[in-house]
Amino acid sequence: MRQRALLVIVAVAAWSAGCASLPVGTYYPSPADPNTVRVAHILHRAAVAAGDDPTRYSFAFIKSQHAAAYTDEDATFYITDGLARLPSPVLEAAVAHEVAHEVLDHVGTRRRLALSLNAGFGTAGFFAPGVGLLDFVVNPLVVRAFSRQQEFAADQRAIEILRAMGNPSPRRSLAESLRAVDAVLVRTRDEGGSVLDTHPTLEDRLKALEPLEPAAVAEGPSKKR
């Protein structure tokens, strides 16, 4: 039954290929690929831990050495090759974070916000020509600033998901995952951060996770697994 559930997740991902624009480098791996099985199993566990229906979840891989995961509409997740190759604890925390975005409806919230802003400025532009141009400035500012709040909220929800997955030290695990992922990412933003960043800085996210569980608690149970 477990293997069937894993294959269903991959099959749904393949079926959804024509339903949305895909990130550059997206591909659907063989169900027999070890990384496919591992990601499917972790995603299934995370969905169940979040109290969601795992059968509606799907995922695909992205050909990239960067370590990253992305959440799209219709509970579709994109995992880079770089992230899929990292140790399971790192992958689990990253997937839990993305599942948190899904159950918190962050993708839908951002889409509705963008649409409402576009409509509002479009109406203003009808009565005052030129005002609609402000949409190109304000919309990215508001949507991206709101995304920073979403990232913090997703981190906190991910802690609950990891705990429900049986992780005795979810805060420490998420913090270690953030550091591991950051270590392999090519930095493309100002280290100081800005209101236009789509993510809070690593330092801000780590600070929000404190206090972490004692290291001894994190290391003890993991040796029994």
Protein backbone atom coordinates (compact mmCIF):
# COMPACT_ATOMS: atom_id res chain seq x y z
CA MET A 1 0.00 0.00 0.00
CA ARG A 2 2.81 2.40 0.82
CA GLN A 3 4.54 1.80 -2.51
CA ARG A 4 1.23 2.33 -4.32
CA ALA A 5 0.73 5.65 -2.52
CA LEU A 6 4.22 6.78 -3.50
CA LEU A 7 3.66 5.92 -7.14
CA VAL A 8 0.30 7.68 -7.15
CA ILE A 9 1.96 10.90 -6.02
CA VAL A 10 4.46 10.72 -8.87
CA ALA A 11 1.76 9.77 -11.37
CA VAL A 12 -0.34 12.78 -10.39
CA ALA A 13 2.70 15.00 -10.91
CA ALA A 14 3.16 13.66 -14.42
CA TRP A 15 -0.55 14.14 -15.16
CA SER A 16 -0.42 17.77 -14.07
CA ALA A 17 2.40 18.61 -16.49
CA GLY A 18 0.05 20.24 -18.96
CA CYS A 19 -2.01 22.10 -16.36
CA ALA A 20 0.44 24.84 -15.44
CA SER A 21 3.56 26.58 -16.61
CA LEU A 22 6.55 24.69 -15.30
CA PRO A 23 9.83 26.03 -13.88
CA VAL A 24 12.80 25.81 -16.22
CA GLY A 25 14.51 22.44 -15.86
CA THR A 26 11.44 20.60 -14.53
CA TYR A 27 11.37 16.88 -15.18
CA TYR A 28 9.49 13.85 -13.90
CA PRO A 29 11.86 11.12 -12.68
CA SER A 30 11.32 7.41 -12.86
CA PRO A 31 9.20 6.05 -9.97
CA ALA A 32 11.99 3.53 -9.42
CA ASP A 33 14.62 6.22 -8.83
CA PRO A 34 15.76 6.14 -5.17
CA ASN A 35 15.42 9.91 -4.84
CA THR A 36 11.88 9.72 -6.20
CA VAL A 37 10.88 7.14 -3.62
CA ARG A 38 12.58 9.07 -0.82
CA VAL A 39 10.95 12.40 -1.70
CA ALA A 40 7.55 10.79 -2.22
CA HIS A 41 7.74 9.04 1.14
CA ILE A 42 8.76 12.21 2.99
CA LEU A 43 6.11 14.31 1.25
CA HIS A 44 3.45 11.72 2.08
CA ARG A 45 4.45 11.67 5.76
CA ALA A 46 4.56 15.46 5.95
CA ALA A 47 1.10 15.82 4.40
CA VAL A 48 -0.37 13.32 6.86
CA ALA A 49 1.39 15.05 9.77
CA ALA A 50 -0.11 18.36 8.63
CA GLY A 51 -3.57 16.81 8.68
CA ASP A 52 -3.93 17.09 4.91
CA ASP A 53 -4.85 14.57 2.20
CA PRO A 54 -1.58 13.26 0.69
CA THR A 55 -3.34 11.90 -2.41
CA ARG A 56 -3.84 15.41 -3.75
CA TYR A 57 -0.12 16.18 -3.46
CA SER A 58 2.27 15.88 -6.39
CA PHE A 59 5.87 16.78 -7.09
CA ALA A 60 8.50 17.04 -9.77
CA PHE A 61 12.25 17.59 -9.81
CA ILE A 62 14.21 20.52 -11.20
CA LYS A 63 17.61 20.04 -12.79
CA SER A 64 19.70 22.30 -10.57
CA GLN A 65 22.57 21.85 -8.18
CA HIS A 66 21.11 24.53 -5.91
CA ALA A 67 19.27 23.23 -2.87
CA ALA A 68 15.74 24.56 -3.01
CA ALA A 69 12.05 23.63 -2.95
CA TYR A 70 9.09 25.51 -4.36
CA THR A 71 5.35 25.33 -3.72
CA ASP A 72 2.91 25.92 -6.57
CA GLU A 73 -0.85 25.80 -7.02
CA ASP A 74 -2.84 22.60 -6.58
CA ALA A 75 -0.46 21.20 -3.95
CA THR A 76 2.35 20.79 -6.48
CA PHE A 77 5.92 20.84 -5.20
CA TYR A 78 9.20 21.24 -7.06
CA ILE A 79 12.38 19.82 -5.57
CA THR A 80 15.80 20.56 -7.03
CA ASP A 81 18.30 17.76 -7.60
CA GLY A 82 20.61 19.53 -5.17
CA LEU A 83 18.09 19.34 -2.35
CA ALA A 84 17.02 15.77 -3.15
CA ARG A 85 20.62 14.61 -2.67
CA LEU A 86 20.99 16.13 0.79
CA PRO A 87 20.63 13.97 3.94
CA SER A 88 17.09 12.94 4.86
CA PRO A 89 16.82 15.19 7.96
CA VAL A 90 17.61 18.24 5.81
CA LEU A 91 15.15 17.17 3.12
CA GLU A 92 12.43 16.40 5.67
CA ALA A 93 12.63 19.87 7.21
CA ALA A 94 12.63 21.55 3.80
CA VAL A 95 9.60 19.54 2.66
CA ALA A 96 7.79 20.23 5.93
CA HIS A 97 8.31 23.95 5.33
CA GLU A 98 6.79 23.71 1.84
CA VAL A 99 3.86 21.63 3.08
CA ALA A 100 3.32 24.36 5.68
CA HIS A 101 2.97 26.90 2.86
CA GLU A 102 0.33 24.67 1.30
CA VAL A 103 -1.80 24.06 4.40
CA LEU A 104 -1.58 27.76 5.30
CA ASP A 105 -2.85 28.61 1.79
CA HIS A 106 0.04 30.97 1.15
CA VAL A 107 0.05 30.42 -2.61
CA GLY A 108 -3.66 31.20 -2.81
CA THR A 109 -3.28 34.22 -0.55
CA ARG A 110 -0.50 35.72 -2.64
CA ARG A 111 -2.44 35.09 -5.85
CA ARG A 112 -5.59 36.74 -4.49
CA LEU A 113 -3.58 39.70 -3.19
CA ALA A 114 -1.89 40.22 -6.55
CA LEU A 115 -5.21 40.00 -8.40
CA SER A 116 -6.92 42.47 -6.07
CA LEU A 117 -4.05 44.93 -6.45
CA ASN A 118 -4.11 44.61 -10.23
CA ALA A 119 -7.87 45.17 -10.29
CA GLY A 120 -7.67 48.15 -7.93
CA PHE A 121 -4.99 49.95 -9.87
CA GLY A 122 -6.66 49.08 -13.15
CA THR A 123 -9.86 50.78 -11.98
CA ALA A 124 -7.92 53.81 -10.75
CA GLY A 125 -6.18 54.03 -14.11
CA PHE A 126 -9.54 54.18 -15.87
CA PHE A 127 -10.52 57.34 -13.98
CA ALA A 128 -7.01 58.82 -13.73
CA PRO A 129 -4.81 57.75 -16.67
CA GLY A 130 -1.29 56.93 -15.55
CA VAL A 131 -2.23 55.87 -12.02
CA GLY A 132 -2.34 52.23 -13.12
CA LEU A 133 1.41 52.37 -13.71
CA LEU A 134 1.88 52.43 -9.94
CA ASP A 135 0.84 48.77 -9.97
CA PHE A 136 4.23 47.84 -11.37
CA VAL A 137 5.90 49.44 -8.35
CA VAL A 138 3.53 48.80 -5.46
CA ASN A 139 2.37 45.29 -6.33
CA PRO A 140 5.83 43.63 -6.16
CA LEU A 141 6.61 45.57 -2.97
CA VAL A 142 3.44 44.48 -1.15
CA VAL A 143 3.38 40.90 -2.37
CA ARG A 144 7.04 40.28 -1.63
CA ALA A 145 6.90 41.98 1.77
CA PHE A 146 3.92 39.82 2.66
CA SER A 147 5.91 36.78 1.56
CA ARG A 148 8.44 37.51 4.28
CA GLN A 149 5.65 37.09 6.83
CA GLN A 150 4.61 33.88 5.10
CA GLU A 151 8.11 32.45 5.44
CA PHE A 152 8.14 33.03 9.19
CA ALA A 153 4.66 31.54 9.53
CA ALA A 154 5.65 28.51 7.42
CA ASP A 155 8.70 27.92 9.61
CA GLN A 156 6.53 27.84 12.72
CA ARG A 157 4.01 25.52 11.10
CA ALA A 158 6.86 23.31 9.86
CA ILE A 159 7.94 22.84 13.48
CA GLU A 160 4.53 21.40 14.28
CA ILE A 161 4.62 19.17 11.18
CA LEU A 162 8.08 17.82 12.02
CA ARG A 163 6.99 17.13 15.58
CA ALA A 164 3.95 15.21 14.28
CA MET A 165 6.32 13.25 12.00
CA GLY A 166 8.05 11.99 15.14
CA ASN A 167 10.95 14.44 15.24
CA PRO A 168 11.83 15.09 18.92
CA SER A 169 13.75 18.29 18.14
CA PRO A 170 11.93 20.03 15.29
CA ARG A 171 13.30 23.51 15.95
CA ARG A 172 16.91 22.32 15.88
CA SER A 173 16.26 20.14 12.83
CA LEU A 174 14.73 23.03 10.90
CA ALA A 175 17.59 25.32 11.89
CA GLU A 176 20.18 22.78 10.74
CA SER A 177 18.29 22.30 7.49
CA LEU A 178 18.23 26.05 6.85
CA ARG A 179 21.98 26.24 7.40
CA ALA A 180 22.66 23.24 5.16
CA VAL A 181 20.53 24.59 2.33
CA ASP A 182 22.02 28.07 2.66
CA ALA A 183 25.53 26.59 2.47
CA VAL A 184 24.93 25.27 -1.07
CA LEU A 185 22.90 28.16 -2.45
CA VAL A 186 24.54 30.74 -4.70
CA ARG A 187 23.90 34.03 -2.98
CA THR A 188 22.11 36.51 -5.25
CA ARG A 189 20.85 39.00 -2.70
CA ASP A 190 22.37 41.68 -0.55
CA GLU A 191 23.52 40.06 2.70
CA GLY A 192 21.84 42.81 4.65
CA GLY A 193 18.43 42.03 3.17
CA SER A 194 15.80 44.49 2.02
CA VAL A 195 12.05 44.89 1.84
CA LEU A 196 12.19 43.44 -1.68
CA ASP A 197 13.72 40.13 -0.56
CA THR A 198 11.37 37.23 -1.16
CA HIS A 199 12.77 35.54 1.96
CA PRO A 200 13.87 36.82 5.34
CA THR A 201 17.59 36.56 5.96
CA LEU A 202 18.96 33.30 7.32
CA GLU A 203 19.89 35.05 10.54
CA ASP A 204 16.34 36.34 11.02
CA ARG A 205 14.83 32.93 10.42
CA LEU A 206 17.24 31.22 12.79
CA LYS A 207 16.57 33.80 15.48
CA ALA A 208 12.81 33.21 15.14
CA LEU A 209 13.35 29.50 15.81
CA GLU A 210 15.00 30.06 19.19
CA PRO A 211 15.15 28.59 21.72
CA LEU A 212 16.40 25.39 20.10
CA GLU A 213 16.13 22.04 21.82
CA PRO A 214 19.31 20.84 23.60
CA ALA A 215 21.75 19.12 21.24
CA ALA A 216 21.70 15.99 23.39
CA VAL A 217 17.97 15.63 22.85
CA ALA A 218 18.40 15.98 19.10
CA GLU A 219 21.22 13.43 18.88
CA GLY A 220 19.89 10.75 21.25
CA PRO A 221 16.69 9.58 19.55
CA SER A 222 18.18 9.87 16.06
CA LYS A 223 20.66 7.11 16.85
CA LYS A 224 17.81 4.73 17.58
CA ARG A 225 16.18 5.28 14.19
